[in-house]
């Protein structure tokens, strides 16, 4: 059970030409948008004939590497498939690096001798697949980490995986009820996973110990932009400035500086609430003096998870609600605030910090201006967007993590939203959601994960040229 549903149960010119226009529409029937692909219809999985997705006419898909399957070495594929990136492989194949958002001291999957923390059950897997999702090779690639939610691809052929937790033996137990005293190491870090070469599980401690979600790299400056999904409390947008440009170094080095985004002349500006259309702000950055806190006396998890963000807000950093997916495209970092915005009349207030149904923000890495490019007007139009990716044409793909049906939705360069893919509800798993959308080399296949009780990865292909993906 994720945190949102756990709490609910307990309670009973920036950014290219995005215009920031909230489109009207209804769930499963958003009005047709120029650049869309038509209404999604039931389509059978080419792997086993089951109907898992609804897609526009002409599109096909195959699921692969589900939780409980075997890797090539015979070990078991863990669950909680989440963030993912695709890289070119040999002979026209594709290499996928995929997160597993497993929480708690449940023991590492794969080879425990290689684990960062042998008691932690999260990490990443690396797969070599065909364009249409036929698995050729697969193996664990990072283990002994925890709550690996999202991350980001790096141009030096690596995936940066993010831990969305501050669990450790020095911190009280979190919402899941696991016993943190069983853990061997502190968690809440970034880990680099190279493609095609082995590397030890080394945390990038200077990039912060907080509830990391996603990482978006700006090649022009060498900065790594980071989002925080601090579910019950304010979240922040960060950047990590490594001691050497990572492209030159060939990897992400520890020992850099962590900063948090602030609005100029408006300390602690609350951007989690409803915003005017295309709201734009001049920004600055504040330093985080202690990015890697250790704790004595095992403080409550809810206190520890705020330790880094509180430093930034005390220095004037802006307040967001649940920052999740992030991607850098042509000098702009797009990032998602899952519960940002105002609560529409008739909508139910979501659990956790934030009262809306989602915002998409854009940060100009050269000019330093922040602009709202989309705010959901109601849950029936866009409901709690999570991971995000971008097509070669600049159209965003948003993965929903809402309360009802969940969609992959497109957000066009003119700020219009359209439905692309609907996840068929799973009878015994109402929490199933999309995650980890990423286009393969050349944009011919969209790979995406379904995070569910028995999660799986899916390859989607079809007449992309017909629309704006």
Protein backbone atom coordinates (compact mmCIF):
# COMPACT_ATOMS: atom_id res chain seq x y z
CA UNK A 1 0.00 0.00 0.00
CA UNK A 2 1.46 3.41 -0.96
CA UNK A 3 1.50 6.41 1.36
CA UNK A 4 -1.48 8.16 -0.20
CA UNK A 5 -3.73 5.15 0.15
CA UNK A 6 -2.32 4.33 3.58
CA UNK A 7 -3.22 7.80 4.88
CA UNK A 8 -6.61 7.71 3.13
CA UNK A 9 -7.41 4.43 4.81
CA UNK A 10 -6.31 5.77 8.16
CA UNK A 11 -8.49 8.83 7.71
CA UNK A 12 -11.55 6.93 6.14
CA UNK A 13 8.29 32.66 -23.14
CA UNK A 14 9.73 30.01 -20.90
CA UNK A 15 9.51 26.35 -21.60
CA UNK A 16 9.22 26.70 -25.34
CA UNK A 17 5.72 27.40 -26.59
CA UNK A 18 3.79 25.74 -23.77
CA UNK A 19 0.92 28.12 -23.05
CA UNK A 20 -0.27 26.85 -19.68
CA UNK A 21 -3.84 26.39 -20.85
CA UNK A 22 -6.01 24.02 -18.78
CA UNK A 23 -8.13 22.09 -21.27
CA UNK A 24 -11.69 21.01 -20.56
CA UNK A 25 -12.62 17.39 -20.75
CA UNK A 26 -13.91 14.36 -18.91
CA UNK A 27 -12.20 11.20 -17.76
CA UNK A 28 -11.97 8.73 -20.60
CA UNK A 29 -13.43 11.26 -23.02
CA UNK A 30 -11.26 14.35 -23.22
CA UNK A 31 -12.17 16.41 -26.23
CA UNK A 32 -10.17 15.65 -29.38
CA UNK A 33 -6.98 17.69 -29.57
CA UNK A 34 -4.95 18.42 -32.72
CA UNK A 35 -1.97 16.12 -32.40
CA UNK A 36 -3.86 13.43 -30.50
CA UNK A 37 -4.35 9.88 -31.73
CA UNK A 38 -8.06 9.25 -31.28
CA UNK A 39 -9.95 7.45 -28.51
CA UNK A 40 -8.27 4.54 -26.70
CA UNK A 41 -9.95 1.16 -27.27
CA UNK A 42 -9.33 -2.29 -25.73
CA UNK A 43 -6.26 -3.98 -27.25
CA UNK A 44 -4.94 -7.47 -26.49
CA UNK A 45 -1.43 -8.02 -25.15
CA UNK A 46 0.66 -9.78 -27.80
CA UNK A 47 2.37 -11.79 -25.07
CA UNK A 48 -0.68 -13.68 -23.80
CA UNK A 49 -3.84 -12.23 -25.36
CA UNK A 50 -5.05 -10.53 -22.18
CA UNK A 51 -6.47 -7.00 -22.34
CA UNK A 52 -4.33 -4.76 -20.15
CA UNK A 53 -4.41 -1.48 -22.07
CA UNK A 54 -6.74 0.63 -24.14
CA UNK A 55 -4.92 2.29 -27.06
CA UNK A 56 -5.81 4.26 -30.19
CA UNK A 57 -6.37 2.38 -33.44
CA UNK A 58 -3.18 1.02 -34.98
CA UNK A 59 -1.20 0.66 -31.75
CA UNK A 60 0.08 -2.62 -30.30
CA UNK A 61 1.88 -3.68 -27.12
CA UNK A 62 3.63 -6.54 -25.38
CA UNK A 63 4.17 -6.95 -21.63
CA UNK A 64 7.40 -8.43 -20.28
CA UNK A 65 9.53 -9.01 -17.18
CA UNK A 66 6.75 -9.07 -14.61
CA UNK A 67 7.30 -9.34 -10.87
CA UNK A 68 7.94 -12.97 -9.99
CA UNK A 69 9.49 -13.83 -13.37
CA UNK A 70 13.12 -14.91 -13.53
CA UNK A 71 16.16 -12.91 -14.55
CA UNK A 72 18.63 -14.57 -16.89
CA UNK A 73 20.66 -15.73 -13.88
CA UNK A 74 17.64 -17.51 -12.39
CA UNK A 75 16.99 -15.00 -9.60
CA UNK A 76 13.54 -13.49 -9.13
CA UNK A 77 12.36 -10.18 -10.59
CA UNK A 78 11.19 -7.96 -7.70
CA UNK A 79 8.00 -5.92 -7.84
CA UNK A 80 7.08 -2.25 -7.61
CA UNK A 81 8.33 -1.39 -11.13
CA UNK A 82 8.79 2.39 -11.28
CA UNK A 83 11.10 4.88 -13.03
CA UNK A 84 12.94 3.68 -16.14
CA UNK A 85 15.19 4.82 -19.00
CA UNK A 86 16.06 3.37 -22.41
CA UNK A 87 19.51 3.31 -24.07
CA UNK A 88 20.68 2.00 -27.48
CA UNK A 89 21.90 -1.59 -27.29
CA UNK A 90 23.94 -3.73 -29.69
CA UNK A 91 22.41 -4.88 -32.95
CA UNK A 92 19.41 -2.57 -32.79
CA UNK A 93 18.32 -3.80 -29.37
CA UNK A 94 17.36 -1.60 -26.42
CA UNK A 95 18.80 -1.55 -22.90
CA UNK A 96 16.34 -0.63 -20.16
CA UNK A 97 17.34 0.29 -16.61
CA UNK A 98 14.33 0.01 -14.32
CA UNK A 99 13.69 0.96 -10.71
CA UNK A 100 11.98 -1.20 -8.09
CA UNK A 101 10.30 0.89 -5.37
CA UNK A 102 10.45 -1.79 -2.68
CA UNK A 103 10.29 -0.48 0.90
CA UNK A 104 11.19 -1.97 4.26
CA UNK A 105 13.96 -4.20 5.63
CA UNK A 106 12.86 -7.19 3.57
CA UNK A 107 16.28 -8.32 2.35
CA UNK A 108 18.09 -7.55 -0.90
CA UNK A 109 17.21 -9.26 -4.15
CA UNK A 110 19.99 -10.71 -6.30
CA UNK A 111 23.52 -11.18 -4.96
CA UNK A 112 23.47 -9.92 -1.36
CA UNK A 113 27.29 -9.66 -1.36
CA UNK A 114 27.00 -6.80 -3.86
CA UNK A 115 24.21 -5.01 -2.00
CA UNK A 116 24.58 -1.53 -0.53
CA UNK A 117 22.48 -2.70 2.42
CA UNK A 118 21.76 -6.46 2.50
CA UNK A 119 18.52 -5.81 4.40
CA UNK A 120 16.96 -3.38 1.86
CA UNK A 121 14.80 -4.77 -0.93
CA UNK A 122 14.83 -2.03 -3.59
CA UNK A 123 17.17 -1.30 -6.48
CA UNK A 124 17.29 -1.55 -10.25
CA UNK A 125 17.26 -4.20 -12.95
CA UNK A 126 18.82 -3.95 -16.40
CA UNK A 127 17.26 -5.65 -19.41
CA UNK A 128 18.22 -5.98 -23.06
CA UNK A 129 15.09 -6.23 -25.17
CA UNK A 130 13.93 -6.02 -28.75
CA UNK A 131 12.02 -2.99 -29.98
CA UNK A 132 8.81 -4.87 -29.21
CA UNK A 133 9.67 -5.98 -25.69
CA UNK A 134 11.04 -9.49 -26.15
CA UNK A 135 13.59 -10.01 -23.36
CA UNK A 136 17.04 -11.16 -24.52
CA UNK A 137 18.98 -10.69 -21.27
CA UNK A 138 18.12 -9.43 -17.78
CA UNK A 139 19.85 -9.08 -14.42
CA UNK A 140 19.86 -7.09 -11.17
CA UNK A 141 22.06 -4.00 -11.56
CA UNK A 142 21.69 -2.23 -8.18
CA UNK A 143 20.49 -3.87 -4.99
CA UNK A 144 20.30 -3.17 -1.29
CA UNK A 145 18.75 0.25 -1.78
CA UNK A 146 15.20 1.25 -0.82
CA UNK A 147 12.14 2.96 -2.32
CA UNK A 148 13.83 3.52 -5.69
CA UNK A 149 11.11 5.67 -7.16
CA UNK A 150 12.25 7.55 -10.23
CA UNK A 151 15.55 9.01 -11.40
CA UNK A 152 16.90 10.07 -14.77
CA UNK A 153 19.02 9.01 -17.75
CA UNK A 154 22.47 10.53 -18.12
CA UNK A 155 24.24 11.20 -21.47
CA UNK A 156 27.34 9.27 -20.36
CA UNK A 157 25.16 6.11 -20.49
CA UNK A 158 24.06 5.83 -16.92
CA UNK A 159 20.84 5.90 -14.95
CA UNK A 160 20.67 7.87 -11.70
CA UNK A 161 18.30 6.07 -9.33
CA UNK A 162 16.63 7.98 -6.49
CA UNK A 163 15.64 6.68 -3.05
CA UNK A 164 12.34 8.19 -1.90
CA UNK A 165 12.95 7.74 1.82
CA UNK A 166 15.25 8.67 4.70
CA UNK A 167 15.01 5.28 6.36
CA UNK A 168 18.01 3.95 8.23
CA UNK A 169 19.03 2.59 11.61
CA UNK A 170 19.25 6.18 12.91
CA UNK A 171 15.60 7.01 12.09
CA UNK A 172 12.25 5.84 13.46
CA UNK A 173 10.04 3.53 11.45
CA UNK A 174 8.10 4.94 8.48
CA UNK A 175 4.47 4.60 7.36
CA UNK A 176 4.97 1.00 6.21
CA UNK A 177 5.59 -0.30 9.73
CA UNK A 178 8.94 -1.90 8.88
CA UNK A 179 11.62 -2.15 11.59
CA UNK A 180 14.36 0.33 10.65
CA UNK A 181 16.65 -1.04 13.36
CA UNK A 182 17.27 -4.00 11.03
CA UNK A 183 18.82 -1.77 8.37
CA UNK A 184 22.61 -1.58 8.09
CA UNK A 185 22.97 1.73 6.20
CA UNK A 186 21.40 5.17 5.92
CA UNK A 187 19.09 5.67 2.95
CA UNK A 188 17.71 8.64 1.01
CA UNK A 189 20.38 9.04 -1.68
CA UNK A 190 21.14 9.05 -5.39
CA UNK A 191 22.91 6.03 -6.89
CA UNK A 192 24.47 5.93 -10.35
CA UNK A 193 23.88 2.77 -12.40
CA UNK A 194 26.18 2.59 -15.47
CA UNK A 195 24.98 0.87 -18.63
CA UNK A 196 27.22 -1.95 -19.77
CA UNK A 197 29.78 -1.87 -16.98
CA UNK A 198 29.83 -2.86 -13.34
CA UNK A 199 29.93 -0.29 -10.56
CA UNK A 200 29.65 -0.45 -6.83
CA UNK A 201 26.55 0.75 -5.02
CA UNK A 202 27.91 4.12 -3.89
CA UNK A 203 25.55 6.86 -2.69
CA UNK A 204 26.09 10.45 -3.82
CA UNK A 205 25.79 11.86 -0.33
CA UNK A 206 26.35 15.52 -1.22
CA UNK A 207 23.24 15.41 -3.42
CA UNK A 208 21.17 15.14 -0.26
CA UNK A 209 19.43 12.70 2.02
CA UNK A 210 15.73 13.34 1.50
CA UNK A 211 12.71 11.79 -0.24
CA UNK A 212 14.23 11.93 -3.72
CA UNK A 213 11.94 11.36 -6.67
CA UNK A 214 13.48 12.26 -10.05
CA UNK A 215 16.71 13.60 -11.56
CA UNK A 216 16.99 15.69 -14.74
CA UNK A 217 20.44 16.53 -16.13
CA UNK A 218 21.23 19.78 -17.97
CA UNK A 219 24.23 19.10 -20.26
CA UNK A 220 24.87 22.80 -20.86
CA UNK A 221 25.64 23.56 -17.21
CA UNK A 222 26.37 20.11 -15.74
CA UNK A 223 23.72 20.66 -13.06
CA UNK A 224 21.45 17.86 -11.91
CA UNK A 225 17.91 18.99 -11.06
CA UNK A 226 16.17 16.96 -8.36
CA UNK A 227 12.59 16.68 -7.19
CA UNK A 228 11.34 15.79 -3.72
CA UNK A 229 8.15 13.86 -3.02
CA UNK A 230 7.68 14.50 0.68
CA UNK A 231 4.18 13.12 0.76
CA UNK A 232 2.76 14.62 3.94
CA UNK A 233 4.80 17.85 4.01
CA UNK A 234 6.07 20.63 1.74
CA UNK A 235 8.46 19.53 -0.99
CA UNK A 236 11.23 21.36 -2.81
CA UNK A 237 12.94 21.60 -6.17
CA UNK A 238 16.72 21.16 -5.87
CA UNK A 239 19.81 21.24 -8.00
CA UNK A 240 23.08 19.44 -7.38
CA UNK A 241 26.25 21.11 -8.66
CA UNK A 242 28.94 18.40 -8.84
CA UNK A 243 32.61 19.32 -8.39
CA UNK A 244 33.33 18.54 -12.06
CA UNK A 245 31.10 18.47 -15.14
CA UNK A 246 29.82 14.87 -15.25
CA UNK A 247 30.25 14.51 -19.02
CA UNK A 248 33.94 15.33 -18.65
CA UNK A 249 34.29 13.14 -15.55
CA UNK A 250 32.34 10.28 -17.13
CA UNK A 251 30.25 9.90 -14.00
CA UNK A 252 28.48 11.86 -11.27
CA UNK A 253 30.98 12.82 -8.59
CA UNK A 254 30.23 13.26 -4.91
CA UNK A 255 31.44 16.35 -3.04
CA UNK A 256 29.37 18.98 -4.82
CA UNK A 257 26.87 21.58 -3.62
CA UNK A 258 23.12 21.13 -3.05
CA UNK A 259 20.74 24.06 -3.52
CA UNK A 260 16.99 24.63 -3.36
CA UNK A 261 14.85 26.79 -5.66
CA UNK A 262 13.42 30.07 -4.32
CA UNK A 263 11.29 32.83 -5.83
CA UNK A 264 13.08 36.17 -5.97
CA UNK A 265 11.81 38.71 -3.43
CA UNK A 266 9.19 36.24 -2.14
CA UNK A 267 10.72 34.06 0.59
CA UNK A 268 8.93 30.74 1.14
CA UNK A 269 6.59 31.43 -1.77
CA UNK A 270 3.80 28.83 -1.70
CA UNK A 271 3.52 27.44 -5.23
CA UNK A 272 1.55 24.40 -4.12
CA UNK A 273 -1.72 26.33 -4.26
CA UNK A 274 -3.76 27.30 -7.31
CA UNK A 275 -1.92 29.63 -9.70
CA UNK A 276 -3.04 32.10 -12.35
CA UNK A 277 -2.67 30.79 -15.92
CA UNK A 278 0.94 30.83 -17.14
CA UNK A 279 2.16 32.22 -13.81
CA UNK A 280 5.83 33.17 -14.15
CA UNK A 281 8.45 33.85 -11.50
CA UNK A 282 12.04 35.04 -11.38
CA UNK A 283 14.03 32.65 -9.21
CA UNK A 284 17.21 32.24 -7.24
CA UNK A 285 18.87 29.34 -5.38
CA UNK A 286 19.66 28.92 -1.69
CA UNK A 287 22.38 26.63 -0.33
CA UNK A 288 21.72 23.59 1.85
CA UNK A 289 24.38 23.62 4.59
CA UNK A 290 23.89 20.02 5.78
CA UNK A 291 22.68 17.91 2.84
CA UNK A 292 23.49 14.56 4.51
CA UNK A 293 22.16 14.65 8.07
CA UNK A 294 22.67 11.84 10.55
CA UNK A 295 20.37 11.58 13.52
CA UNK A 296 20.78 10.69 17.16
CA UNK A 297 18.07 9.24 19.33
CA UNK A 298 16.18 7.81 16.35
CA UNK A 299 13.80 10.74 15.73
CA UNK A 300 10.38 10.14 14.22
CA UNK A 301 10.52 9.46 10.50
CA UNK A 302 8.17 12.37 9.84
CA UNK A 303 10.72 14.71 11.44
CA UNK A 304 13.77 13.23 9.75
CA UNK A 305 12.23 13.37 6.28
CA UNK A 306 11.86 17.17 6.60
CA UNK A 307 15.42 17.86 7.79
CA UNK A 308 16.94 18.88 4.45
CA UNK A 309 13.90 20.68 3.05
CA UNK A 310 13.43 22.63 6.25
CA UNK A 311 16.95 24.07 5.85
CA UNK A 312 16.02 25.35 2.40
CA UNK A 313 12.70 26.84 3.47
CA UNK A 314 14.32 28.61 6.41
CA UNK A 315 16.60 30.24 3.82
CA UNK A 316 13.57 31.23 1.69
CA UNK A 317 13.04 28.27 -0.67
CA UNK A 318 9.70 27.89 -2.46
CA UNK A 319 7.04 25.44 -1.29
CA UNK A 320 5.66 22.81 -3.66
CA UNK A 321 3.36 19.85 -3.27
CA UNK A 322 4.78 16.40 -4.04
CA UNK A 323 7.28 17.01 -6.81
CA UNK A 324 7.59 13.82 -8.84
CA UNK A 325 8.63 13.33 -12.47
CA UNK A 326 11.22 15.59 -14.12
CA UNK A 327 12.85 15.75 -17.56
CA UNK A 328 15.23 18.20 -19.26
CA UNK A 329 14.52 19.13 -22.89
CA UNK A 330 16.40 21.80 -24.86
CA UNK A 331 17.39 23.85 -21.83
CA UNK A 332 14.11 23.54 -19.96
CA UNK A 333 13.47 21.29 -16.97
CA UNK A 334 9.84 20.20 -16.83
CA UNK A 335 8.71 18.86 -13.47
CA UNK A 336 5.41 17.65 -12.05
CA UNK A 337 3.71 18.69 -8.83
CA UNK A 338 1.36 15.76 -8.27
CA UNK A 339 -1.06 17.45 -5.86
CA UNK A 340 -0.40 21.05 -6.78
CA UNK A 341 -3.21 23.46 -7.56
CA UNK A 342 -6.62 24.24 -6.13
CA UNK A 343 -9.37 21.75 -5.27
CA UNK A 344 -12.10 22.01 -7.88
CA UNK A 345 -15.70 22.27 -6.75
CA UNK A 346 -17.02 18.75 -6.30
CA UNK A 347 -13.57 17.14 -6.16
CA UNK A 348 -12.43 15.24 -3.10
CA UNK A 349 -9.44 16.66 -1.23
CA UNK A 350 -6.47 14.32 -1.82
CA UNK A 351 -4.58 12.86 1.15
CA UNK A 352 -1.18 14.29 2.01
CA UNK A 353 0.21 17.78 1.42
CA UNK A 354 -1.45 19.63 -1.44
CA UNK A 355 -5.05 20.30 -2.41
CA UNK A 356 -5.06 20.05 -6.20
CA UNK A 357 -4.91 17.43 -8.93
CA UNK A 358 -1.62 18.33 -10.53
CA UNK A 359 0.62 21.01 -12.00
CA UNK A 360 3.36 20.93 -14.63
CA UNK A 361 6.15 23.49 -14.16
CA UNK A 362 8.99 24.52 -16.46
CA UNK A 363 12.33 25.99 -15.38
CA UNK A 364 14.57 27.76 -17.88
CA UNK A 365 18.10 26.65 -16.95
CA UNK A 366 19.66 29.59 -18.80
CA UNK A 367 17.42 32.47 -17.75
CA UNK A 368 16.34 31.15 -14.36
CA UNK A 369 12.63 31.80 -14.84
CA UNK A 370 9.94 29.41 -13.63
CA UNK A 371 6.59 29.12 -15.37
CA UNK A 372 3.42 27.14 -14.82
CA UNK A 373 2.62 25.35 -18.08
CA UNK A 374 -0.42 23.40 -16.94
CA UNK A 375 -2.66 23.11 -13.89
CA UNK A 376 -5.37 20.46 -13.73
CA UNK A 377 -8.80 22.10 -13.54
CA UNK A 378 -10.38 18.96 -12.04
CA UNK A 379 -9.66 15.29 -11.42
CA UNK A 380 -11.77 14.25 -14.40
CA UNK A 381 -9.31 16.02 -16.71
CA UNK A 382 -5.95 15.13 -15.13
CA UNK A 383 -5.68 13.23 -11.85
CA UNK A 384 -2.39 13.24 -9.93
CA UNK A 385 0.30 13.11 -12.65
CA UNK A 386 3.49 11.33 -11.58
CA UNK A 387 6.36 10.31 -13.89
CA UNK A 388 6.95 12.34 -17.07
CA UNK A 389 8.94 11.96 -20.25
CA UNK A 390 9.19 13.95 -23.48
CA UNK A 391 9.04 12.95 -27.13
CA UNK A 392 11.48 14.16 -29.75
CA UNK A 393 8.81 16.65 -30.85
CA UNK A 394 8.60 18.16 -27.39
CA UNK A 395 5.26 16.67 -26.33
CA UNK A 396 5.17 15.54 -22.71
CA UNK A 397 3.88 12.12 -21.66
CA UNK A 398 2.29 12.18 -18.19
CA UNK A 399 1.78 9.00 -16.13
CA UNK A 400 -1.30 9.25 -13.91
CA UNK A 401 -1.48 7.93 -10.34
CA UNK A 402 -5.06 8.89 -9.63
CA UNK A 403 -7.96 7.49 -7.65
CA UNK A 404 -9.92 6.01 -10.55
CA UNK A 405 -8.89 5.06 -14.08
CA UNK A 406 -5.29 5.93 -14.87
CA UNK A 407 -4.07 7.19 -18.23
CA UNK A 408 -0.97 8.05 -20.15
CA UNK A 409 -1.79 11.56 -21.32
CA UNK A 410 -0.07 13.83 -23.79
CA UNK A 411 0.53 17.51 -23.10
CA UNK A 412 1.16 19.31 -26.38
CA UNK A 413 3.45 22.24 -27.06
CA UNK A 414 0.36 24.48 -27.14
CA UNK A 415 -0.67 23.40 -23.63
CA UNK A 416 -3.50 21.04 -24.61
CA UNK A 417 -4.05 17.66 -22.96
CA UNK A 418 -5.12 14.46 -24.72
CA UNK A 419 -5.72 10.85 -23.73
CA UNK A 420 -3.34 8.31 -25.24
CA UNK A 421 -3.51 5.10 -23.21
CA UNK A 422 -5.85 3.83 -20.48
CA UNK A 423 -4.81 1.20 -17.95
CA UNK A 424 -7.56 -1.38 -17.71
CA UNK A 425 -8.58 -1.56 -14.03
CA UNK A 426 -7.34 -4.63 -12.17
CA UNK A 427 -10.17 -6.09 -10.07
CA UNK A 428 -8.11 -6.91 -6.98
CA UNK A 429 -5.63 -4.05 -7.33
CA UNK A 430 -7.24 -0.57 -7.38
CA UNK A 431 -3.82 0.98 -6.68
CA UNK A 432 -2.32 -0.04 -10.04
CA UNK A 433 -0.73 2.90 -11.86
CA UNK A 434 1.50 3.86 -14.77
CA UNK A 435 5.17 4.70 -14.12
CA UNK A 436 8.51 4.99 -15.87
CA UNK A 437 7.42 6.00 -19.38
CA UNK A 438 10.44 6.37 -21.69
CA UNK A 439 10.88 6.40 -25.46
CA UNK A 440 13.36 3.98 -26.94
CA UNK A 441 16.05 5.01 -29.45
CA UNK A 442 14.54 6.76 -32.44
CA UNK A 443 11.19 7.15 -30.67
CA UNK A 444 9.78 3.99 -32.28
CA UNK A 445 8.68 2.36 -29.02
CA UNK A 446 7.31 3.77 -25.79
CA UNK A 447 8.29 1.60 -22.82
CA UNK A 448 6.26 1.99 -19.64
CA UNK A 449 5.78 0.19 -16.34
CA UNK A 450 2.61 -0.78 -14.56
CA UNK A 451 3.17 -0.65 -10.83
CA UNK A 452 0.76 -3.17 -9.35
CA UNK A 453 0.63 -6.20 -7.07
CA UNK A 454 2.24 -8.05 -9.96
CA UNK A 455 3.84 -5.20 -11.83
CA UNK A 456 5.11 -5.51 -15.38
CA UNK A 457 6.89 -3.59 -18.11
CA UNK A 458 5.19 -2.91 -21.45
CA UNK A 459 6.40 -1.96 -24.94
CA UNK A 460 3.97 0.13 -27.05
CA UNK A 461 4.40 0.85 -30.75
CA UNK A 462 2.33 2.08 -33.65
CA UNK A 463 1.74 5.03 -36.02
CA UNK A 464 3.46 7.74 -33.96
CA UNK A 465 3.64 9.97 -37.04
CA UNK A 466 -0.14 10.34 -36.90
CA UNK A 467 0.08 12.61 -33.84
CA UNK A 468 2.49 14.67 -31.79
CA UNK A 469 4.47 12.00 -29.93
